[in-house]
Amino acid sequence: MIENIEIIINNQKKEVPKEMTLEELAKLEQDHFRYPILLARVDGILKELTTKILEPAKIEFLDLTSREGNKVHVNGLKFMLQYAIKELYGQNQNMRIQHSIDKGIYVEVDFEISEQIIREIKEKMHSLVEKDLNISEVHVDRMDAINYFEQVGDTSKVGVMKYNTNSYVNLYRLGNLYNYFYYFMPTSTQYIKDFDLTYINEFGFVLRFPTVYINDKIKDYEHHPHMFDIFKECRTWAKMMNVRNAPELNDMVSTGKISDLIRMNEMITSNRLLEIAREIVKKEEVKIVLLAGPSSSGKTTTTRKLCMYLQSLGKRPKVISMDDYFVEKDENPIGEDGKPDYECLEAIDLNLFNDHIARLIAKEEVLVPTYNFLLGKKEYKKKLQVGEKDIILIEGIHGLDPHILTNIDRAKKYKIYLSALTELNMDDHNRISTTDNRLLRRMIRDNRTRGYNVEATLRSWPSVRRGEEKYIFPYQDDADVVYNTALIYELGVLKTYVEPLLYSVDVNSEYYEEAKRLINFLHLFLPIPSESIPQDSILREFIGGSCFHD
């Protein structure tokens, strides 16, 4: 007689046979979901669908409309894409996941491609979906895994295995292809049918998929040349330094070369900002420099450093923060969640801001506000006036929004978009999310400067990300220049600061799974001491010790 177990699903009690898999249960619940179920949360812990139900539990299923399910969906797509390329063009053909771009992932291959080849790959992937091929997890000896990846020519995975100290590792298998991934995987190709491919150039294309930020639809591809060029520039430099992925960065650490890499990386970053300062000074009509970027992109340090460079070139910069123009606390807009929305443009007293900047440009003396965040109101204690050699630097998330400073000619404004666009990847098939990089930065800074724990940062992060998607990213192409604040070495440094904080998250916390994911991710990196990092580094804004502020 089969024993039944009582579970709770959709807030209802239900009896299921003991040892029933989550996938079997998911098939019974699929009608409640728009997309295929990909993952489950069992008593708050994420589980792959191959897991058997052995005891009473509360079960929640996830599809790609959740952040966790979306990661699984993308993981499966990457594996299926690799399989399709090898099936079509030979087992010796490789692909490399490069970076995110316009709600997709840019991928490069070793052979020349065309739009016709992209159509062939897409058709092959759809045929794999129809075939319902099994994706299984296998537990193998680490040395056997190294031998396999050496045989198939995947040197990046060999490097990963070198720095993995476990005797056994978990690989995923699709047909006769094995790979190593850092997150959960769907159980079959039939569940990963939602995707598209877009041809970019003779060696690259974009893998597109639904995301949680665009109503779970596949966005029409829009090319962002500034962003694409920055990634390409960083990738070229990383290749020249022979630091294209986590294992190669670890090689720098283990061979004692990391201090030199830090100095070179900081020099490149500083020189790029100096070039931007020179470009601004050349444009004599420019009176306002607007700096905008997502959370933890290093806006404060970049603004201070740019001031220093402009001053060295004969300008007298005056800094204004858009945060000082917040509306009074009782006037703040309320978001869809019923809480104050500090990210929206309506949270800024736009009329006052526009009026003050216009008067400053006209060389009038203006009594400018400083926002008292404790009282939730503006205070007026500082007078400001702009002289002939002065230039106004405005820092704020809405700096690129075309709805601000509409009363000032565009030629008088120079817009800088800042973002931490890391080109370093885990290996050829697993990228490092720029969002994760910024999240780790923010965790460290929140804890150091505000006393927040990791859970507080994770609790606010979805709201921050929604604000970025709505108020920052849509205007990035209006920037005159993109300045990349990511440092190729920084994850090894961030690890030493953030890892202990992540371990503080209790197993019963709703944020435990996310903390565990980040811990597992950081295990890929050897720790890097901060002694060689200069005081004017953007990274100092987060870890402390900056010469600009602390």
Protein backbone atom coordinates (compact mmCIF):
# COMPACT_ATOMS: atom_id res chain seq x y z
CA MET A 1 0.00 0.00 0.00
CA ILE A 2 1.39 3.41 -1.00
CA GLU A 3 1.70 5.81 1.90
CA ASN A 4 0.20 9.28 1.40
CA ILE A 5 1.70 12.53 2.68
CA GLU A 6 -0.18 15.73 3.46
CA ILE A 7 1.16 18.85 1.77
CA ILE A 8 -0.02 22.44 1.53
CA ILE A 9 -0.13 23.93 -1.95
CA ASN A 10 -1.95 27.11 -3.01
CA ASN A 11 -2.94 27.48 0.66
CA GLN A 12 -4.88 24.23 0.46
CA LYS A 13 -4.16 20.89 2.09
CA LYS A 14 -3.73 17.97 -0.25
CA GLU A 15 -2.60 14.35 0.01
CA VAL A 16 -0.01 12.99 -2.40
CA PRO A 17 1.79 9.62 -2.62
CA LYS A 18 5.07 9.46 -0.72
CA GLU A 19 8.11 9.65 -3.06
CA MET A 20 6.08 11.48 -5.70
CA THR A 21 8.46 13.88 -7.48
CA LEU A 22 7.86 17.61 -7.58
CA GLU A 23 7.73 17.33 -11.37
CA GLU A 24 4.86 14.85 -11.18
CA LEU A 25 3.00 17.19 -8.84
CA ALA A 26 3.84 20.18 -11.04
CA LYS A 27 2.10 18.57 -14.01
CA LEU A 28 -1.10 18.44 -11.96
CA GLU A 29 -0.75 22.12 -11.05
CA GLN A 30 0.42 23.44 -14.44
CA ASP A 31 -3.00 24.81 -15.42
CA HIS A 32 -2.60 27.49 -12.74
CA PHE A 33 0.49 28.88 -14.49
CA ARG A 34 1.00 30.81 -17.70
CA TYR A 35 4.48 29.37 -18.33
CA PRO A 36 5.96 25.91 -17.57
CA ILE A 37 6.77 25.28 -13.91
CA LEU A 38 10.55 25.21 -13.49
CA LEU A 39 11.33 25.15 -9.78
CA ALA A 40 9.73 24.66 -6.39
CA ARG A 41 10.05 26.21 -2.96
CA VAL A 42 9.58 23.51 -0.32
CA ASP A 43 9.18 24.93 3.19
CA GLY A 44 10.99 28.01 1.92
CA ILE A 45 13.92 26.09 0.39
CA LEU A 46 14.39 26.03 -3.39
CA LYS A 47 14.33 22.54 -4.89
CA GLU A 48 14.68 21.19 -8.41
CA LEU A 49 11.69 19.29 -9.77
CA THR A 50 13.52 15.96 -9.58
CA THR A 51 13.21 16.13 -5.77
CA LYS A 52 10.96 13.50 -4.16
CA ILE A 53 8.31 14.44 -1.61
CA LEU A 54 9.22 12.44 1.50
CA GLU A 55 7.50 14.32 4.34
CA PRO A 56 4.72 16.88 4.91
CA ALA A 57 5.63 20.28 3.49
CA LYS A 58 4.37 23.57 2.17
CA ILE A 59 5.09 23.68 -1.56
CA GLU A 60 5.16 26.68 -3.90
CA PHE A 61 5.84 26.29 -7.62
CA LEU A 62 7.71 28.87 -9.68
CA ASP A 63 7.75 29.63 -13.40
CA LEU A 64 9.78 32.20 -15.31
CA THR A 65 7.65 35.07 -13.97
CA SER A 66 9.58 34.75 -10.70
CA ARG A 67 13.20 35.87 -10.38
CA GLU A 68 14.29 32.40 -9.29
CA GLY A 69 12.36 30.63 -12.04
CA ASN A 70 13.68 33.08 -14.61
CA LYS A 71 17.27 32.18 -13.70
CA VAL A 72 16.44 28.49 -14.22
CA HIS A 73 14.85 29.26 -17.58
CA VAL A 74 17.93 31.17 -18.79
CA ASN A 75 20.26 28.43 -17.50
CA GLY A 76 18.34 25.85 -19.51
CA LEU A 77 18.39 28.04 -22.62
CA LYS A 78 22.17 28.41 -22.46
CA PHE A 79 22.64 24.64 -22.19
CA MET A 80 20.20 23.95 -25.03
CA LEU A 81 21.89 26.62 -27.17
CA GLN A 82 25.30 25.01 -26.64
CA TYR A 83 23.85 21.59 -27.53
CA ALA A 84 22.18 22.96 -30.70
CA ILE A 85 25.38 24.61 -31.95
CA LYS A 86 27.42 21.44 -31.48
CA GLU A 87 24.75 19.28 -33.12
CA LEU A 88 24.56 21.58 -36.16
CA TYR A 89 28.18 22.60 -36.71
CA GLY A 90 30.33 20.01 -34.96
CA GLN A 91 31.34 19.01 -31.44
CA ASN A 92 34.49 21.15 -31.63
CA GLN A 93 32.49 24.36 -32.06
CA ASN A 94 32.27 26.44 -28.89
CA MET A 95 30.24 29.40 -27.73
CA ARG A 96 31.01 31.99 -25.09
CA ILE A 97 28.44 33.86 -23.02
CA GLN A 98 29.73 37.44 -22.94
CA HIS A 99 27.39 39.86 -21.18
CA SER A 100 23.81 41.06 -20.80
CA ILE A 101 22.45 43.53 -23.34
CA ASP A 102 18.90 44.90 -23.70
CA LYS A 103 17.10 42.17 -21.70
CA GLY A 104 19.12 39.43 -23.36
CA ILE A 105 22.58 37.88 -23.40
CA TYR A 106 25.23 38.52 -26.02
CA VAL A 107 26.87 35.29 -27.22
CA GLU A 108 29.93 34.79 -29.44
CA VAL A 109 31.02 31.72 -31.39
CA ASP A 110 34.32 30.63 -32.98
CA PHE A 111 32.98 30.37 -36.53
CA GLU A 112 31.55 32.99 -38.86
CA ILE A 113 27.77 33.28 -38.75
CA SER A 114 25.01 34.93 -40.73
CA GLU A 115 21.33 35.66 -40.23
CA GLN A 116 20.60 32.35 -41.98
CA ILE A 117 22.77 30.45 -39.49
CA ILE A 118 20.96 32.18 -36.62
CA ARG A 119 17.66 30.99 -38.07
CA GLU A 120 19.06 27.45 -38.30
CA ILE A 121 20.15 27.53 -34.64
CA LYS A 122 16.76 28.85 -33.59
CA GLU A 123 14.93 26.13 -35.55
CA LYS A 124 17.21 23.49 -34.02
CA MET A 125 16.46 24.75 -30.51
CA HIS A 126 12.73 24.61 -31.18
CA SER A 127 13.12 21.03 -32.42
CA LEU A 128 14.93 20.16 -29.16
CA VAL A 129 12.00 21.60 -27.23
CA GLU A 130 9.65 19.36 -29.19
CA LYS A 131 11.83 16.30 -28.53
CA ASP A 132 11.44 16.76 -24.75
CA LEU A 133 15.07 15.83 -24.04
CA ASN A 134 15.92 15.03 -20.45
CA ILE A 135 18.31 17.33 -18.54
CA SER A 136 19.74 15.39 -15.62
CA GLU A 137 22.15 16.09 -12.78
CA VAL A 138 25.10 13.73 -12.36
CA HIS A 139 27.53 13.44 -9.44
CA VAL A 140 31.08 12.84 -10.69
CA ASP A 141 34.64 12.73 -9.41
CA ARG A 142 36.26 16.15 -9.81
CA MET A 143 39.28 14.68 -11.63
CA ASP A 144 36.97 12.90 -14.07
CA ALA A 145 35.26 16.24 -14.70
CA ILE A 146 38.62 17.88 -15.37
CA ASN A 147 39.52 15.10 -17.83
CA TYR A 148 36.21 15.52 -19.62
CA PHE A 149 36.53 19.29 -20.01
CA GLU A 150 40.13 18.91 -21.18
CA GLN A 151 38.97 16.45 -23.85
CA VAL A 152 36.24 18.78 -25.15
CA GLY A 153 38.57 21.79 -25.07
CA ASP A 154 36.73 23.78 -22.40
CA THR A 155 39.75 25.33 -20.66
CA SER A 156 37.59 27.75 -18.66
CA LYS A 157 35.84 24.83 -16.92
CA VAL A 158 39.20 23.14 -16.29
CA GLY A 159 40.19 26.31 -14.45
CA VAL A 160 36.97 26.28 -12.43
CA MET A 161 37.61 22.67 -11.39
CA LYS A 162 41.17 23.58 -10.39
CA TYR A 163 39.87 25.99 -7.75
CA ASN A 164 37.07 23.68 -6.61
CA THR A 165 38.35 21.71 -3.61
CA ASN A 166 35.45 19.23 -3.44
CA SER A 167 36.22 15.60 -4.28
CA TYR A 168 33.00 15.37 -6.30
CA VAL A 169 31.11 17.91 -8.40
CA ASN A 170 27.63 18.07 -9.87
CA LEU A 171 27.40 18.36 -13.64
CA TYR A 172 24.32 18.57 -15.86
CA ARG A 173 23.81 16.26 -18.81
CA LEU A 174 21.88 16.90 -22.02
CA GLY A 175 22.25 14.01 -24.46
CA ASN A 176 25.98 13.27 -24.50
CA LEU A 177 26.92 16.83 -23.50
CA TYR A 178 27.98 17.66 -19.94
CA ASN A 179 28.37 21.11 -18.41
CA TYR A 180 28.83 22.82 -15.06
CA PHE A 181 26.35 25.48 -13.99
CA TYR A 182 25.97 27.54 -10.83
CA TYR A 183 22.21 27.48 -10.44
CA PHE A 184 19.32 25.09 -10.82
CA MET A 185 18.37 23.58 -14.17
CA PRO A 186 15.01 22.58 -15.73
CA THR A 187 14.41 18.85 -16.03
CA SER A 188 13.60 18.88 -19.75
CA THR A 189 13.97 20.94 -22.91
CA GLN A 190 10.17 21.03 -23.24
CA TYR A 191 10.01 23.60 -20.43
CA ILE A 192 12.29 26.18 -22.11
CA LYS A 193 10.40 27.07 -25.25
CA ASP A 194 10.21 30.84 -24.76
CA PHE A 195 13.20 32.52 -26.44
CA ASP A 196 14.42 34.29 -29.56
CA LEU A 197 17.77 34.96 -31.25
CA THR A 198 18.96 38.18 -32.89
CA TYR A 199 21.94 38.43 -35.26
CA ILE A 200 24.44 41.17 -34.30
CA ASN A 201 27.65 40.59 -36.25
CA GLU A 202 29.66 37.84 -38.00
CA PHE A 203 30.60 36.20 -34.68
CA GLY A 204 27.88 37.29 -32.26
CA PHE A 205 24.16 37.22 -31.56
CA VAL A 206 21.77 37.93 -28.68
CA LEU A 207 19.80 35.26 -26.85
CA ARG A 208 16.52 36.91 -25.80
CA PHE A 209 13.92 35.70 -23.32
CA PRO A 210 11.03 36.95 -21.16
CA THR A 211 12.06 38.84 -18.01
CA VAL A 212 10.22 39.79 -14.84
CA TYR A 213 10.66 43.50 -15.63
CA ILE A 214 8.85 43.65 -18.98
CA ASN A 215 5.58 41.85 -18.21
CA ASP A 216 7.22 38.49 -18.89
CA LYS A 217 7.41 39.17 -22.63
CA ILE A 218 10.33 38.87 -25.02
CA LYS A 219 11.35 42.46 -25.73
CA ASP A 220 12.04 43.52 -29.30
CA TYR A 221 15.80 43.93 -29.52
CA GLU A 222 17.08 47.49 -29.40
CA HIS A 223 20.81 47.96 -29.93
CA HIS A 224 22.61 50.18 -27.42
CA PRO A 225 25.88 51.14 -29.14
CA HIS A 226 27.38 52.97 -26.14
CA MET A 227 26.90 49.98 -23.87
CA PHE A 228 27.99 47.48 -26.48
CA ASP A 229 31.19 49.39 -27.20
CA ILE A 230 32.04 49.68 -23.49
CA PHE A 231 31.67 45.93 -23.04
CA LYS A 232 33.81 45.31 -26.12
CA GLU A 233 36.49 47.70 -24.87
CA CYS A 234 36.55 46.00 -21.45
CA ARG A 235 36.65 42.56 -23.03
CA THR A 236 39.61 43.54 -25.20
CA TRP A 237 41.53 44.83 -22.18
CA ALA A 238 40.65 41.74 -20.10
CA LYS A 239 41.92 39.50 -22.90
CA MET A 240 45.13 41.50 -23.11
CA MET A 241 45.60 41.09 -19.34
CA ASN A 242 44.68 37.37 -19.64
CA VAL A 243 41.93 37.82 -17.04
CA ARG A 244 38.73 36.87 -18.83
CA ASN A 245 37.10 34.76 -16.14
CA ALA A 246 37.16 33.84 -12.45
CA PRO A 247 39.86 31.11 -12.74
CA GLU A 248 42.21 33.50 -14.56
CA LEU A 249 41.65 36.13 -11.87
CA ASN A 250 42.43 33.47 -9.26
CA ASP A 251 45.64 32.68 -11.16
CA MET A 252 46.67 36.32 -10.71
CA VAL A 253 46.07 36.02 -6.96
CA SER A 254 47.78 32.66 -6.51
CA THR A 255 50.89 33.76 -8.43
CA GLY A 256 51.27 37.05 -6.54
CA LYS A 257 50.46 39.31 -9.51
CA ILE A 258 47.23 40.82 -8.20
CA SER A 259 48.77 44.10 -6.95
CA ASP A 260 50.03 44.91 -10.43
CA LEU A 261 46.60 44.13 -11.91
CA ILE A 262 44.93 46.42 -9.38
CA ARG A 263 47.27 49.30 -10.24
CA MET A 264 46.79 48.84 -13.99
CA ASN A 265 43.00 48.58 -13.66
CA GLU A 266 42.82 51.72 -11.51
CA MET A 267 45.06 53.61 -13.94
CA ILE A 268 42.86 52.67 -16.91
CA THR A 269 39.70 53.70 -15.01
CA SER A 270 41.15 57.04 -13.89
CA ASN A 271 42.52 57.85 -17.35
CA ARG A 272 39.10 57.24 -18.88
CA LEU A 273 37.49 59.72 -16.48
CA LEU A 274 40.24 62.25 -17.23
CA GLU A 275 39.44 61.87 -20.95
CA ILE A 276 35.79 62.64 -20.17
CA ALA A 277 36.82 65.75 -18.22
CA ARG A 278 38.89 66.95 -21.17
CA GLU A 279 35.96 66.33 -23.51
CA ILE A 280 33.71 68.45 -21.27
CA VAL A 281 36.21 71.32 -21.16
CA LYS A 282 36.49 71.27 -24.98
CA LYS A 283 32.75 71.87 -25.25
CA GLU A 284 32.71 75.51 -24.16
CA GLU A 285 28.92 75.71 -24.37
CA VAL A 286 28.48 73.02 -21.67
CA LYS A 287 27.40 74.55 -18.35
CA ILE A 288 25.84 71.48 -16.70
CA VAL A 289 27.16 67.93 -16.30
CA LEU A 290 24.52 65.37 -15.32
CA LEU A 291 25.65 62.06 -13.80
CA ALA A 292 23.16 59.23 -13.48
CA GLY A 293 23.31 55.50 -12.97
CA PRO A 294 21.77 52.62 -11.07
CA SER A 295 22.30 51.92 -7.38
CA SER A 296 25.90 51.31 -6.27
CA SER A 297 27.38 52.35 -9.58
CA GLY A 298 29.82 54.68 -7.80
CA LYS A 299 28.13 58.02 -8.55
CA THR A 300 29.50 59.80 -5.47
CA THR A 301 33.17 58.93 -6.00
CA THR A 302 32.95 59.52 -9.75
CA THR A 303 31.42 62.96 -9.19
CA ARG A 304 34.11 63.95 -6.66
CA LYS A 305 36.89 62.64 -8.86
CA LEU A 306 35.50 64.35 -11.95
CA CYS A 307 35.40 67.62 -9.98
CA MET A 308 39.08 67.20 -9.21
CA TYR A 309 39.95 66.58 -12.87
CA LEU A 310 37.85 69.51 -14.08
CA GLN A 311 39.51 71.75 -11.52
CA SER A 312 42.94 70.68 -12.76
CA LEU A 313 41.83 71.76 -16.25
CA GLY A 314 40.84 75.26 -15.12
CA LYS A 315 37.15 74.78 -14.31
CA ARG A 316 35.47 75.48 -10.94
CA PRO A 317 32.89 72.72 -10.41
CA LYS A 318 29.84 73.17 -8.17
CA VAL A 319 28.05 69.99 -7.11
CA ILE A 320 24.28 69.69 -6.66
CA SER A 321 22.49 66.51 -5.60
CA MET A 322 18.99 65.96 -6.94
CA ASP A 323 18.21 64.24 -3.62
CA ASP A 324 18.23 67.69 -1.99
CA TYR A 325 15.18 68.52 -4.12
CA PHE A 326 12.94 65.78 -2.76
CA VAL A 327 9.39 66.93 -2.08
CA GLU A 328 8.31 67.32 1.55
CA LYS A 329 7.60 64.03 3.33
CA ASP A 330 3.80 64.48 3.33
CA GLU A 331 3.86 65.18 -0.43
CA ASN A 332 5.82 62.08 -1.43
CA PRO A 333 4.07 59.88 -4.04
CA ILE A 334 2.80 56.47 -2.94
CA GLY A 335 3.80 53.42 -4.96
CA GLU A 336 1.70 50.44 -6.01
CA ASP A 337 2.77 48.63 -2.84
CA GLY A 338 1.24 51.36 -0.68
CA LYS A 339 4.65 52.63 0.45
CA PRO A 340 6.37 55.94 -0.38
CA ASP A 341 8.02 55.79 -3.81
CA TYR A 342 11.35 57.61 -3.54
CA GLU A 343 12.52 56.43 -6.98
CA CYS A 344 9.92 58.13 -9.20
CA LEU A 345 10.46 61.51 -10.82
CA GLU A 346 7.44 62.89 -8.96
CA ALA A 347 9.42 62.50 -5.71
CA ILE A 348 11.52 65.45 -6.94
CA ASP A 349 10.29 69.04 -6.62
CA LEU A 350 10.86 69.48 -10.34
CA ASN A 351 9.57 73.04 -10.66
CA LEU A 352 11.92 74.25 -7.93
CA PHE A 353 14.84 72.24 -9.35
CA ASN A 354 14.35 73.56 -12.90
CA ASP A 355 13.96 77.12 -11.65
CA HIS A 356 17.10 77.01 -9.48
CA ILE A 357 19.33 75.56 -12.20
CA ALA A 358 18.09 78.07 -14.78
CA ARG A 359 18.77 80.96 -12.37
CA LEU A 360 22.24 79.61 -11.58
CA ILE A 361 23.05 79.39 -15.29
CA ALA A 362 21.92 83.02 -15.55
CA LYS A 363 24.55 83.78 -12.84
CA GLU A 364 21.98 84.68 -10.18
CA GLU A 365 22.64 83.93 -6.51
CA VAL A 366 20.32 81.15 -5.33
CA LEU A 367 19.48 79.89 -1.85
CA VAL A 368 19.64 76.14 -2.53
CA PRO A 369 18.11 73.42 -0.34
CA THR A 370 19.68 70.62 1.66
CA TYR A 371 17.25 67.80 2.33
CA ASN A 372 16.87 66.73 5.96
CA PHE A 373 16.05 63.03 5.64
CA LEU A 374 15.29 62.68 9.37
CA LEU A 375 12.61 65.40 9.25
CA GLY A 376 11.59 64.72 5.65
CA LYS A 377 11.85 68.31 4.48
CA LYS A 378 14.12 70.77 2.67
CA GLU A 379 16.23 73.22 4.66
CA TYR A 380 17.69 76.39 3.16
CA LYS A 381 21.09 77.31 4.59
CA LYS A 382 23.42 77.54 1.58
CA LYS A 383 23.76 80.20 -1.10
CA LEU A 384 25.21 79.34 -4.49
CA GLN A 385 26.27 81.41 -7.45
CA VAL A 386 27.95 80.33 -10.68
CA GLY A 387 30.85 82.31 -12.15
CA GLU A 388 32.31 82.40 -15.64
CA LYS A 389 34.64 79.42 -15.11
CA ASP A 390 32.18 77.48 -12.96
CA ILE A 391 30.42 74.34 -14.16
CA ILE A 392 27.51 72.64 -12.38
CA LEU A 393 27.70 68.90 -11.70
CA ILE A 394 24.32 67.35 -10.91
CA GLU A 395 24.20 63.87 -9.41
CA GLY A 396 20.97 61.86 -9.27
CA ILE A 397 19.16 58.84 -10.67
CA HIS A 398 17.02 61.05 -12.93
CA GLY A 399 19.96 62.85 -14.53
CA LEU A 400 19.28 61.35 -17.98
CA ASP A 401 15.50 61.79 -17.88
CA PRO A 402 14.42 64.11 -20.72
CA HIS A 403 11.66 65.53 -18.49
CA ILE A 404 14.13 67.46 -16.34
CA LEU A 405 15.70 70.82 -17.22
CA THR A 406 13.54 71.14 -20.34
CA ASN A 407 13.98 74.91 -20.02
CA ILE A 408 17.72 74.60 -20.76
CA ASP A 409 19.19 74.02 -24.22
CA ARG A 410 20.55 70.47 -24.75
CA ALA A 411 23.90 71.84 -25.97
CA LYS A 412 24.52 73.26 -22.51
CA LYS A 413 24.11 69.82 -20.91
CA TYR A 414 26.58 66.93 -20.90
CA LYS A 415 25.16 63.61 -19.73
CA ILE A 416 27.20 60.78 -18.23
CA TYR A 417 25.73 57.33 -17.65
CA LEU A 418 27.51 55.31 -14.95
CA SER A 419 27.24 51.57 -14.47
CA ALA A 420 29.30 48.70 -13.11
CA LEU A 421 29.51 46.71 -16.35
CA THR A 422 31.69 43.78 -15.37
CA GLU A 423 33.13 41.87 -18.32
CA LEU A 424 34.66 39.22 -16.08
CA ASN A 425 32.75 35.93 -16.34
CA MET A 426 32.71 32.76 -14.27
CA ASP A 427 33.63 30.72 -17.35
CA ASP A 428 32.64 30.48 -21.02
CA HIS A 429 29.01 29.60 -20.27
CA ASN A 430 28.24 31.40 -17.01
CA ARG A 431 28.33 35.17 -16.86
CA ILE A 432 28.63 37.37 -13.81
CA SER A 433 25.56 39.53 -13.43
CA THR A 434 26.28 43.26 -13.22
CA THR A 435 23.26 43.41 -10.92
CA ASP A 436 24.85 40.92 -8.51
CA ASN A 437 28.05 42.97 -8.55
CA ARG A 438 26.13 46.10 -7.54
CA LEU A 439 24.11 44.21 -4.95
CA LEU A 440 27.29 43.02 -3.21
CA ARG A 441 28.65 46.57 -3.22
CA ARG A 442 25.43 47.86 -1.67
CA MET A 443 25.35 45.18 1.03
CA ILE A 444 28.81 46.19 2.20
CA ARG A 445 28.08 49.93 2.12
CA ASP A 446 24.67 49.55 3.80
CA ASN A 447 26.25 47.59 6.62
CA ARG A 448 29.27 49.85 7.02
CA THR A 449 27.56 53.26 6.80
CA ARG A 450 23.98 52.58 7.93
CA GLY A 451 24.28 49.49 10.10
CA TYR A 452 21.86 47.55 7.87
CA ASN A 453 22.10 43.77 7.77
CA VAL A 454 21.99 41.74 4.56
CA GLU A 455 18.28 41.03 4.94
CA ALA A 456 17.45 44.74 5.01
CA THR A 457 19.38 45.28 1.77
CA LEU A 458 17.75 42.29 0.10
CA ARG A 459 14.32 43.45 1.27
CA SER A 460 14.71 46.84 -0.44
CA TRP A 461 16.50 45.55 -3.54
CA PRO A 462 13.42 44.60 -5.65
CA SER A 463 12.03 48.12 -5.21
CA VAL A 464 15.40 49.63 -6.16
CA ARG A 465 15.58 47.43 -9.26
CA ARG A 466 12.05 48.36 -10.34
CA GLY A 467 13.00 52.01 -10.06
CA GLU A 468 16.11 51.47 -12.19
CA GLU A 469 14.16 49.66 -14.88
CA LYS A 470 11.56 52.42 -14.99
CA TYR A 471 13.53 55.61 -14.44
CA ILE A 472 17.17 54.99 -15.45
CA PHE A 473 17.71 52.27 -18.05
CA PRO A 474 15.20 53.62 -20.64
CA TYR A 475 17.27 56.83 -21.00
CA GLN A 476 20.79 55.40 -21.17
CA ASP A 477 21.07 56.04 -24.92
CA ASP A 478 20.60 59.77 -24.37
CA ALA A 479 23.94 59.90 -22.55
CA ASP A 480 26.88 61.62 -24.23
CA VAL A 481 29.19 59.01 -22.73
CA VAL A 482 29.03 55.78 -20.72
CA TYR A 483 31.54 55.44 -17.90
CA ASN A 484 32.15 51.93 -16.62
CA THR A 485 32.84 51.81 -12.87
CA ALA A 486 33.38 48.04 -12.62
CA LEU A 487 36.86 46.84 -11.70
CA ILE A 488 38.00 43.49 -13.02
CA TYR A 489 39.50 42.47 -9.67
CA GLU A 490 36.77 43.71 -7.33
CA LEU A 491 34.82 40.51 -6.64
CA GLY A 492 37.79 39.00 -4.82
CA VAL A 493 37.88 42.09 -2.61
CA LEU A 494 34.12 42.26 -2.08
CA LYS A 495 34.19 38.60 -1.02
CA THR A 496 36.31 39.35 2.05
CA TYR A 497 33.82 41.98 3.23
CA VAL A 498 30.44 40.53 2.27
CA GLU A 499 30.86 36.80 2.85
CA PRO A 500 30.67 37.03 6.67
CA LEU A 501 27.55 39.22 6.34
CA LEU A 502 25.85 36.64 4.10
CA TYR A 503 26.54 33.88 6.60
CA SER A 504 24.54 35.84 9.19
CA VAL A 505 21.26 35.17 7.34
CA ASP A 506 19.27 32.60 9.30
CA VAL A 507 18.17 29.39 7.60
CA ASN A 508 14.53 30.28 8.39
CA SER A 509 14.79 33.69 6.73
CA GLU A 510 12.94 34.30 3.47
CA TYR A 511 16.26 35.62 2.14
CA TYR A 512 18.30 32.55 3.06
CA GLU A 513 18.19 31.07 -0.45
CA GLU A 514 19.44 34.28 -2.03
CA ALA A 515 22.22 34.58 0.56
CA LYS A 516 23.20 30.96 -0.12
CA ARG A 517 23.26 31.59 -3.87
CA LEU A 518 25.61 34.53 -3.41
CA ILE A 519 27.85 32.55 -1.03
CA ASN A 520 28.14 29.74 -3.59
CA PHE A 521 28.94 32.29 -6.27
CA LEU A 522 31.67 33.92 -4.16
CA HIS A 523 33.28 30.51 -3.54
CA LEU A 524 34.59 30.78 -7.11
CA PHE A 525 36.92 33.61 -6.11
CA LEU A 526 40.08 33.67 -4.04
CA PRO A 527 40.06 36.52 -1.51
CA ILE A 528 41.97 39.66 -2.48
CA PRO A 529 43.32 41.99 0.23
CA SER A 530 42.49 45.69 -0.06
CA GLU A 531 45.91 47.14 0.84
CA SER A 532 46.87 47.86 -2.79
CA ILE A 533 43.61 49.66 -3.62
CA PRO A 534 44.20 53.44 -3.87
CA GLN A 535 42.20 55.84 -1.72
CA ASP A 536 40.54 57.44 -4.74
CA SER A 537 39.25 54.11 -6.09
CA ILE A 538 35.52 53.76 -6.72
CA LEU A 539 35.67 50.57 -4.67
CA ARG A 540 36.61 52.63 -1.59
CA GLU A 541 33.11 54.16 -1.70
CA PHE A 542 31.84 50.77 -0.58
CA ILE A 543 34.57 49.12 1.49
CA GLY A 544 35.76 52.33 3.20
CA GLY A 545 39.02 54.23 3.28
CA SER A 546 38.16 56.74 0.55
CA CYS A 547 39.99 60.05 0.40
CA PHE A 548 36.74 61.69 -0.74
CA HIS A 549 34.43 60.49 2.03
CA ASP A 550 34.05 57.72 4.55
